[in-house]
C-alpha atoms as a PDB file:
ATOM      1  CA  MET A   1      -7.178  -8.495 -14.384  1.00  0.00           C
ATOM      2  CA  PHE A   2      -7.437  -5.183 -14.285  1.00  0.00           C
ATOM      3  CA  ARG A   3     -11.705  -5.665 -14.468  1.00  0.00           C
ATOM      4  CA  ILE A   4     -11.193  -8.497 -11.961  1.00  0.00           C
ATOM      5  CA  PHE A   5      -9.874  -5.803  -9.340  1.00  0.00           C
ATOM      6  CA  LEU A   6     -12.315  -3.569  -9.926  1.00  0.00           C
ATOM      7  CA  SER A   7     -14.789  -5.977  -8.774  1.00  0.00           C
ATOM      8  CA  ILE A   8     -12.330  -6.334  -5.211  1.00  0.00           C
ATOM      9  CA  LEU A   9     -12.752  -2.772  -4.961  1.00  0.00           C
ATOM     10  CA  MET A  10     -16.481  -2.680  -5.183  1.00  0.00           C
ATOM     11  CA  LEU A  11     -16.995  -5.719  -3.229  1.00  0.00           C
ATOM     12  CA  SER A  12     -14.578  -3.619  -0.565  1.00  0.00           C
ATOM     13  CA  ALA A  13     -16.009  -0.392  -0.974  1.00  0.00           C
ATOM     14  CA  ILE A  14     -19.642  -2.100  -0.295  1.00  0.00           C
ATOM     15  CA  SER A  15     -18.437  -3.455   3.177  1.00  0.00           C
ATOM     16  CA  LEU A  16     -16.711  -0.525   4.186  1.00  0.00           C
ATOM     17  CA  PHE A  17     -19.016   2.311   3.603  1.00  0.00           C
ATOM     18  CA  GLY A  18     -22.760   0.778   3.959  1.00  0.00           C
ATOM     19  CA  ALA A  19     -24.184  -1.020   1.297  1.00  0.00           C
ATOM     20  CA  ASP A  20     -26.643  -2.767   3.034  1.00  0.00           C
ATOM     21  CA  SER A  21     -28.674  -3.628  -0.022  1.00  0.00           C
ATOM     22  CA  VAL A  22     -26.294  -5.777  -1.902  1.00  0.00           C
ATOM     23  CA  ALA A  23     -27.223  -9.430  -2.313  1.00  0.00           C
ATOM     24  CA  ILE A  24     -24.846 -12.174  -1.290  1.00  0.00           C
ATOM     25  CA  PRO A  25     -24.249 -14.674  -3.648  1.00  0.00           C
ATOM     26  CA  THR A  26     -25.136 -18.273  -2.109  1.00  0.00           C
ATOM     27  CA  MET A  27     -23.167 -21.482  -2.300  1.00  0.00           C
ATOM     28  CA  ASN A  28     -24.024 -24.482  -3.952  1.00  0.00           C
ATOM     29  CA  PHE A  29     -21.784 -27.672  -3.056  1.00  0.00           C
ATOM     30  CA  GLU A  30     -23.340 -30.158  -4.928  1.00  0.00           C
ATOM     31  CA  LEU A  31     -21.311 -32.327  -7.263  1.00  0.00           C
ATOM     32  CA  SER A  32     -23.757 -32.349 -10.293  1.00  0.00           C
ATOM     33  CA  ALA A  33     -23.542 -30.137 -13.153  1.00  0.00           C
ATOM     34  CA  PRO A  34     -24.947 -27.070 -13.419  1.00  0.00           C
ATOM     35  CA  LYS A  35     -28.909 -27.480 -15.172  1.00  0.00           C
ATOM     36  CA  THR A  36     -28.967 -24.219 -16.753  1.00  0.00           C
ATOM     37  CA  PRO A  37     -27.159 -21.961 -17.659  1.00  0.00           C
ATOM     38  CA  GLU A  38     -28.013 -19.011 -14.687  1.00  0.00           C
ATOM     39  CA  GLN A  39     -26.451 -21.795 -12.536  1.00  0.00           C
ATOM     40  CA  LEU A  40     -23.434 -22.128 -14.419  1.00  0.00           C
ATOM     41  CA  VAL A  41     -23.167 -18.090 -13.834  1.00  0.00           C
ATOM     42  CA  SER A  42     -23.765 -18.484 -10.150  1.00  0.00           C
ATOM     43  CA  SER A  43     -21.008 -20.907  -9.480  1.00  0.00           C
ATOM     44  CA  LEU A  44     -18.420 -19.307 -11.738  1.00  0.00           C
ATOM     45  CA  ASN A  45     -19.214 -15.945 -10.096  1.00  0.00           C
ATOM     46  CA  VAL A  46     -18.282 -17.371  -6.511  1.00  0.00           C
ATOM     47  CA  LEU A  47     -14.935 -18.975  -7.781  1.00  0.00           C
ATOM     48  CA  VAL A  48     -14.118 -15.683  -8.848  1.00  0.00           C
ATOM     49  CA  LEU A  49     -15.083 -13.972  -5.853  1.00  0.00           C
ATOM     50  CA  LEU A  50     -13.420 -16.342  -3.570  1.00  0.00           C
ATOM     51  CA  THR A  51     -10.316 -16.048  -5.894  1.00  0.00           C
ATOM     52  CA  LEU A  52     -10.515 -12.646  -5.652  1.00  0.00           C
ATOM     53  CA  LEU A  53     -10.522 -12.604  -1.837  1.00  0.00           C
ATOM     54  CA  PHE A  54      -7.239 -14.463  -1.748  1.00  0.00           C
ATOM     55  CA  LEU A  55      -5.594 -11.690  -4.014  1.00  0.00           C
ATOM     56  CA  ALA A  56      -6.829  -8.882  -2.205  1.00  0.00           C
ATOM     57  CA  PRO A  57      -4.011  -9.120  -0.149  1.00  0.00           C
ATOM     58  CA  SER A  58      -1.361  -8.437  -2.944  1.00  0.00           C
ATOM     59  CA  MET A  59      -3.396  -5.783  -4.432  1.00  0.00           C
ATOM     60  CA  VAL A  60      -3.430  -3.569  -1.471  1.00  0.00           C
ATOM     61  CA  LEU A  61       0.313  -3.784  -2.073  1.00  0.00           C
ATOM     62  CA  VAL A  62       0.819  -2.516  -5.112  1.00  0.00           C
ATOM     63  CA  MET A  63      -1.861   0.196  -5.228  1.00  0.00           C
ATOM     64  CA  THR A  64      -1.891   1.928  -1.785  1.00  0.00           C
ATOM     65  CA  THR A  65       0.914   3.304   0.183  1.00  0.00           C
ATOM     66  CA  PHE A  66       1.146   0.273   2.252  1.00  0.00           C
ATOM     67  CA  THR A  67       4.498  -0.459   0.826  1.00  0.00           C
ATOM     68  CA  ARG A  68       6.083   3.046   1.233  1.00  0.00           C
ATOM     69  CA  PHE A  69       4.962   2.675   5.343  1.00  0.00           C
ATOM     70  CA  VAL A  70       6.368  -1.208   6.043  1.00  0.00           C
ATOM     71  CA  ILE A  71       9.558  -0.704   4.501  1.00  0.00           C
ATOM     72  CA  VAL A  72      10.040   2.814   6.084  1.00  0.00           C
ATOM     73  CA  PHE A  73       9.126   1.018   9.775  1.00  0.00           C
ATOM     74  CA  GLY A  74      11.850  -1.611   8.746  1.00  0.00           C
ATOM     75  CA  PHE A  75      14.513   0.730   7.991  1.00  0.00           C
ATOM     76  CA  LEU A  76      13.518   2.002  11.670  1.00  0.00           C
ATOM     77  CA  ARG A  77      13.803  -0.878  13.798  1.00  0.00           C
ATOM     78  CA  GLN A  78      17.244  -1.273  11.886  1.00  0.00           C
ATOM     79  CA  ALA A  79      18.556   2.005  12.779  1.00  0.00           C
ATOM     80  CA  LEU A  80      18.029   1.843  16.338  1.00  0.00           C
ATOM     81  CA  GLY A  81      18.685  -2.092  16.437  1.00  0.00           C
ATOM     82  CA  THR A  82      16.320  -3.053  18.467  1.00  0.00           C
ATOM     83  CA  GLN A  83      15.965  -6.249  16.585  1.00  0.00           C
ATOM     84  CA  GLN A  84      12.441  -7.552  17.101  1.00  0.00           C
ATOM     85  CA  VAL A  85      11.000  -4.755  18.488  1.00  0.00           C
ATOM     86  CA  PRO A  86       8.430  -3.708  18.084  1.00  0.00           C
ATOM     87  CA  PRO A  87       7.234  -7.341  16.456  1.00  0.00           C
ATOM     88  CA  THR A  88       6.971  -7.144  12.565  1.00  0.00           C
ATOM     89  CA  GLN A  89       2.848  -8.004  12.500  1.00  0.00           C
ATOM     90  CA  LEU A  90       2.569  -4.903  15.044  1.00  0.00           C
ATOM     91  CA  LEU A  91       4.359  -3.067  12.118  1.00  0.00           C
ATOM     92  CA  VAL A  92       2.825  -4.263   9.393  1.00  0.00           C
ATOM     93  CA  MET A  93      -0.597  -3.617  11.393  1.00  0.00           C
ATOM     94  CA  LEU A  94       0.476  -0.106  11.650  1.00  0.00           C
ATOM     95  CA  GLY A  95       1.235  -0.139   7.842  1.00  0.00           C
ATOM     96  CA  MET A  96      -2.203  -1.144   7.238  1.00  0.00           C
ATOM     97  CA  ILE A  97      -4.199   1.278   9.344  1.00  0.00           C
ATOM     98  CA  LEU A  98      -2.000   4.198   8.201  1.00  0.00           C
ATOM     99  CA  THR A  99      -3.241   2.736   5.050  1.00  0.00           C
ATOM    100  CA  PHE A 100      -6.574   2.962   5.338  1.00  0.00           C
ATOM    101  CA  PHE A 101      -6.595   6.192   6.988  1.00  0.00           C
ATOM    102  CA  VAL A 102      -4.844   7.770   3.635  1.00  0.00           C
ATOM    103  CA  MET A 103      -6.905   6.042   1.122  1.00  0.00           C
ATOM    104  CA  GLU A 104     -10.028   6.621   2.653  1.00  0.00           C
ATOM    105  CA  PRO A 105     -10.476   9.634   0.698  1.00  0.00           C
ATOM    106  CA  VAL A 106      -9.702   7.766  -2.733  1.00  0.00           C
ATOM    107  CA  GLY A 107     -12.199   5.123  -1.759  1.00  0.00           C
ATOM    108  CA  ILE A 108     -15.117   7.528  -1.007  1.00  0.00           C
ATOM    109  CA  LYS A 109     -14.054   9.141  -4.100  1.00  0.00           C
ATOM    110  CA  ALA A 110     -14.374   5.608  -6.315  1.00  0.00           C
ATOM    111  CA  TYR A 111     -17.444   4.590  -4.141  1.00  0.00           C
ATOM    112  CA  GLU A 112     -19.584   7.391  -4.761  1.00  0.00           C
ATOM    113  CA  ASP A 113     -18.436   8.211  -8.542  1.00  0.00           C
ATOM    114  CA  GLY A 114     -18.227   4.644  -9.804  1.00  0.00           C
ATOM    115  CA  ILE A 115     -19.740   1.729  -7.409  1.00  0.00           C
ATOM    116  CA  LYS A 116     -22.928   3.575  -6.172  1.00  0.00           C
ATOM    117  CA  PRO A 117     -24.645   4.347  -9.655  1.00  0.00           C
ATOM    118  CA  TYR A 118     -23.554   0.760 -10.824  1.00  0.00           C
ATOM    119  CA  ILE A 119     -25.392  -0.641  -7.957  1.00  0.00           C
ATOM    120  CA  GLU A 120     -28.208   1.652  -8.529  1.00  0.00           C
ATOM    121  CA  GLU A 121     -28.094   0.344 -11.763  1.00  0.00           C
ATOM    122  CA  LYS A 122     -27.636   3.864 -13.273  1.00  0.00           C
ATOM    123  CA  ILE A 123     -24.503   3.245 -15.328  1.00  0.00           C
ATOM    124  CA  GLY A 124     -23.264  -0.175 -16.828  1.00  0.00           C
ATOM    125  CA  TYR A 125     -20.284  -1.678 -15.784  1.00  0.00           C
ATOM    126  CA  GLU A 126     -17.829  -0.442 -18.565  1.00  0.00           C
ATOM    127  CA  GLU A 127     -18.375   3.147 -17.002  1.00  0.00           C
ATOM    128  CA  ALA A 128     -18.577   1.864 -13.517  1.00  0.00           C
ATOM    129  CA  PHE A 129     -15.117   0.287 -13.949  1.00  0.00           C
ATOM    130  CA  ASP A 130     -13.760   3.871 -15.705  1.00  0.00           C
ATOM    131  CA  LYS A 131     -15.033   6.159 -12.505  1.00  0.00           C
ATOM    132  CA  THR A 132     -13.801   3.660 -10.127  1.00  0.00           C
ATOM    133  CA  ALA A 133     -10.309   3.441 -11.349  1.00  0.00           C
ATOM    134  CA  LEU A 134     -10.177   6.854 -11.917  1.00  0.00           C
ATOM    135  CA  PRO A 135      -9.292   8.079  -8.690  1.00  0.00           C
ATOM    136  CA  PHE A 136      -7.000   5.652  -7.855  1.00  0.00           C
ATOM    137  CA  LYS A 137      -5.171   6.620 -10.814  1.00  0.00           C
ATOM    138  CA  ASN A 138      -4.889  10.332  -9.619  1.00  0.00           C
ATOM    139  CA  PHE A 139      -4.060   9.093  -6.662  1.00  0.00           C
ATOM    140  CA  MET A 140      -0.946   6.739  -8.321  1.00  0.00           C
ATOM    141  CA  ILE A 141      -0.317   8.946 -10.906  1.00  0.00           C
ATOM    142  CA  ARG A 142       0.554  11.969  -8.366  1.00  0.00           C
ATOM    143  CA  ASN A 143       2.872   9.706  -6.242  1.00  0.00           C
ATOM    144  CA  THR A 144       4.843   8.458  -9.439  1.00  0.00           C
ATOM    145  CA  ARG A 145       7.727  10.354 -10.835  1.00  0.00           C
ATOM    146  CA  GLU A 146       7.403  11.014 -14.663  1.00  0.00           C
ATOM    147  CA  LYS A 147      10.538   9.425 -14.891  1.00  0.00           C
ATOM    148  CA  ASP A 148       8.950   5.900 -14.141  1.00  0.00           C
ATOM    149  CA  LEU A 149       6.529   6.597 -16.215  1.00  0.00           C
ATOM    150  CA  ALA A 150       8.593   7.055 -18.930  1.00  0.00           C
ATOM    151  CA  LEU A 151      10.276   3.900 -18.400  1.00  0.00           C
ATOM    152  CA  PHE A 152       7.408   1.919 -18.823  1.00  0.00           C
ATOM    153  CA  PHE A 153       5.943   3.543 -21.777  1.00  0.00           C
ATOM    154  CA  ARG A 154       9.464   2.945 -23.454  1.00  0.00           C
ATOM    155  CA  ILE A 155       9.356  -0.355 -22.636  1.00  0.00           C
ATOM    156  CA  ARG A 156       5.887  -1.056 -24.087  1.00  0.00           C
ATOM    157  CA  LYS A 157       6.920   1.294 -27.196  1.00  0.00           C
ATOM    158  CA  MET A 158       3.620   3.401 -26.576  1.00  0.00           C
ATOM    159  CA  GLN A 159       2.795   7.173 -27.284  1.00  0.00           C
ATOM    160  CA  ASN A 160       3.143   9.523 -24.419  1.00  0.00           C
ATOM    161  CA  PRO A 161      -0.708  10.148 -23.421  1.00  0.00           C
ATOM    162  CA  THR A 162      -2.385  14.008 -23.108  1.00  0.00           C
ATOM    163  CA  THR A 163      -4.512  12.511 -20.198  1.00  0.00           C
ATOM    164  CA  ILE A 164      -4.341  10.758 -16.784  1.00  0.00           C
ATOM    165  CA  ALA A 165      -7.507   8.416 -18.621  1.00  0.00           C
ATOM    166  CA  GLU A 166      -5.238   7.415 -21.251  1.00  0.00           C
ATOM    167  CA  VAL A 167      -2.577   5.915 -18.879  1.00  0.00           C
ATOM    168  CA  PRO A 168      -3.399   1.749 -18.904  1.00  0.00           C
ATOM    169  CA  LEU A 169      -3.556   0.442 -14.997  1.00  0.00           C
ATOM    170  CA  SER A 170      -0.687  -2.079 -16.531  1.00  0.00           C
ATOM    171  CA  ILE A 171       1.632   0.835 -16.479  1.00  0.00           C
ATOM    172  CA  ILE A 172       0.948   2.876 -13.410  1.00  0.00           C
ATOM    173  CA  ILE A 173       0.997   0.006 -11.019  1.00  0.00           C
ATOM    174  CA  PRO A 174       4.747  -1.162 -11.793  1.00  0.00           C
ATOM    175  CA  ALA A 175       5.492   2.479 -11.979  1.00  0.00           C
ATOM    176  CA  PHE A 176       3.993   3.909  -8.586  1.00  0.00           C
ATOM    177  CA  VAL A 177       5.393   0.978  -7.218  1.00  0.00           C
ATOM    178  CA  ILE A 178       9.010   1.472  -7.834  1.00  0.00           C
ATOM    179  CA  SER A 179       8.147   5.258  -7.278  1.00  0.00           C
ATOM    180  CA  GLU A 180       6.970   4.111  -3.934  1.00  0.00           C
ATOM    181  CA  LEU A 181       9.930   2.089  -3.020  1.00  0.00           C
ATOM    182  CA  LYS A 182      12.444   4.869  -3.865  1.00  0.00           C
ATOM    183  CA  THR A 183      10.668   7.293  -1.903  1.00  0.00           C
ATOM    184  CA  ALA A 184      10.806   4.715   0.890  1.00  0.00           C
ATOM    185  CA  PHE A 185      14.741   4.310   0.918  1.00  0.00           C
ATOM    186  CA  GLU A 186      15.101   8.119   0.628  1.00  0.00           C
ATOM    187  CA  ILE A 187      13.190   8.352   3.667  1.00  0.00           C
ATOM    188  CA  GLY A 188      15.211   5.028   5.269  1.00  0.00           C
ATOM    189  CA  PHE A 189      18.488   6.617   4.434  1.00  0.00           C
ATOM    190  CA  LEU A 190      17.570   9.847   6.171  1.00  0.00           C
ATOM    191  CA  LEU A 191      16.758   7.892   8.995  1.00  0.00           C
ATOM    192  CA  PHE A 192      19.659   5.886   9.712  1.00  0.00           C
ATOM    193  CA  LEU A 193      21.937   9.096   9.678  1.00  0.00           C
ATOM    194  CA  PRO A 194      21.428  10.329  12.826  1.00  0.00           C
ATOM    195  CA  PHE A 195      21.449   6.499  14.767  1.00  0.00           C
ATOM    196  CA  LEU A 196      24.946   6.172  12.678  1.00  0.00           C
ATOM    197  CA  VAL A 197      26.088   9.628  13.987  1.00  0.00           C
ATOM    198  CA  ILE A 198      25.510   8.230  17.625  1.00  0.00           C
ATOM    199  CA  ASP A 199      26.730   4.512  17.302  1.00  0.00           C
ATOM    200  CA  MET A 200      30.129   6.338  15.546  1.00  0.00           C
ATOM    201  CA  VAL A 201      30.131   8.827  18.839  1.00  0.00           C
ATOM    202  CA  VAL A 202      29.766   5.655  21.084  1.00  0.00           C
ATOM    203  CA  ALA A 203      32.289   3.759  19.398  1.00  0.00           C
ATOM    204  CA  SER A 204      35.043   6.590  19.375  1.00  0.00           C
ATOM    205  CA  ILE A 205      34.548   6.661  23.327  1.00  0.00           C
ATOM    206  CA  LEU A 206      34.580   3.280  24.136  1.00  0.00           C
ATOM    207  CA  MET A 207      38.111   2.816  22.221  1.00  0.00           C
ATOM    208  CA  SER A 208      39.492   6.049  23.231  1.00  0.00           C
ATOM    209  CA  MET A 209      38.859   4.380  26.812  1.00  0.00           C
ATOM    210  CA  GLY A 210      40.492   1.184  25.723  1.00  0.00           C
ATOM    211  CA  MET A 211      37.225  -0.822  25.823  1.00  0.00           C
ATOM    212  CA  MET A 212      37.360  -2.640  22.474  1.00  0.00           C
ATOM    213  CA  MET A 213      35.835  -6.223  23.217  1.00  0.00           C
ATOM    214  CA  LEU A 214      32.638  -4.528  24.923  1.00  0.00           C
ATOM    215  CA  PRO A 215      30.133  -4.052  21.547  1.00  0.00           C
ATOM    216  CA  PRO A 216      29.602  -0.930  20.817  1.00  0.00           C
ATOM    217  CA  VAL A 217      25.721  -1.608  19.826  1.00  0.00           C
ATOM    218  CA  MET A 218      25.004  -2.862  22.988  1.00  0.00           C
ATOM    219  CA  ILE A 219      25.581   0.322  24.658  1.00  0.00           C
ATOM    220  CA  ALA A 220      24.443   2.803  21.684  1.00  0.00           C
ATOM    221  CA  LEU A 221      21.234   1.112  22.074  1.00  0.00           C
ATOM    222  CA  PRO A 222      19.239   2.671  25.233  1.00  0.00           C
ATOM    223  CA  PHE A 223      20.925   6.104  24.128  1.00  0.00           C
ATOM    224  CA  LYS A 224      19.400   5.860  20.769  1.00  0.00           C
ATOM    225  CA  ILE A 225      15.942   4.742  22.223  1.00  0.00           C
ATOM    226  CA  LEU A 226      16.473   7.714  24.899  1.00  0.00           C
ATOM    227  CA  ILE A 227      16.464  10.197  22.120  1.00  0.00           C
ATOM    228  CA  PHE A 228      13.750   8.652  19.764  1.00  0.00           C
ATOM    229  CA  ILE A 229      11.384   9.463  22.953  1.00  0.00           C
ATOM    230  CA  LEU A 230      12.717  12.316  23.724  1.00  0.00           C
ATOM    231  CA  ILE A 231      11.968  14.357  20.034  1.00  0.00           C
ATOM    232  CA  ASP A 232       8.688  11.784  20.047  1.00  0.00           C
ATOM    233  CA  GLY A 233      10.063   9.920  17.333  1.00  0.00           C
ATOM    234  CA  TRP A 234       6.669   8.048  16.426  1.00  0.00           C
ATOM    235  CA  ASN A 235       4.968  11.403  16.179  1.00  0.00           C
ATOM    236  CA  LEU A 236       7.224  13.239  13.854  1.00  0.00           C
ATOM    237  CA  LEU A 237       7.928   9.757  11.654  1.00  0.00           C
ATOM    238  CA  ILE A 238       4.648   9.410  10.788  1.00  0.00           C
ATOM    239  CA  GLY A 239       3.473  12.872  10.710  1.00  0.00           C
ATOM    240  CA  ASN A 240       6.084  13.694   7.919  1.00  0.00           C
ATOM    241  CA  LEU A 241       5.372   9.811   6.139  1.00  0.00           C
ATOM    242  CA  ILE A 242       1.647  11.205   5.635  1.00  0.00           C
ATOM    243  CA  ALA A 243       3.208  14.568   5.183  1.00  0.00           C
ATOM    244  CA  SER A 244       4.470  13.434   2.164  1.00  0.00           C
ATOM    245  CA  ILE A 245       2.111  11.509   0.482  1.00  0.00           C
ATOM    246  CA  LYS A 246       0.711  13.867  -2.318  1.00  0.00           C
END
């Protein structure tokens, strides 16, 4: 499975970082059986490639900071109480853009260390896989709690590793995901607190004025938006989000 993921990384890096000399496989839609083993291998490669392109978005979710960004943006929208503003599509695209911004150095290193030498036929597939996966391993481990890594090692009943290379991707990825979820929820909790205070203050004022039938959320919304604008909220939020990534 993870060797399949390497193929996606290689194809993505080739398209992003400009490997113009890579040949793109052609597709043959004939219904007749392949006449040679080479034709069968070529057809299977195309089938695997299409499958990988279909699964690529899901793999982006679990090996990058996309999860953290999207969850925090969702918490922010709930805290502001703006319903569908900004729209979900815009928040997802913003999360993707920030993810590419954060992961660009990792992708470049993976390309330079593993994919480029493999394309130039300087190293074999096994070595290319290890060198390409290593920058992603380093990134995920830096942003993963030891407690989460230990959890999956205990589940697998494996001994503690001595080097990063000994930690399999099947353990790093789920540990990284739950660490990202915990971090995103912590940030979301901190985002909710100031807006919750505004809601409580507005509700108290309305009750003291005898306006119990007037929804406090409706009155508090413009004040929350105004305060978010005055403190330059998007700049602060995105700056601190990126700073929280190791």
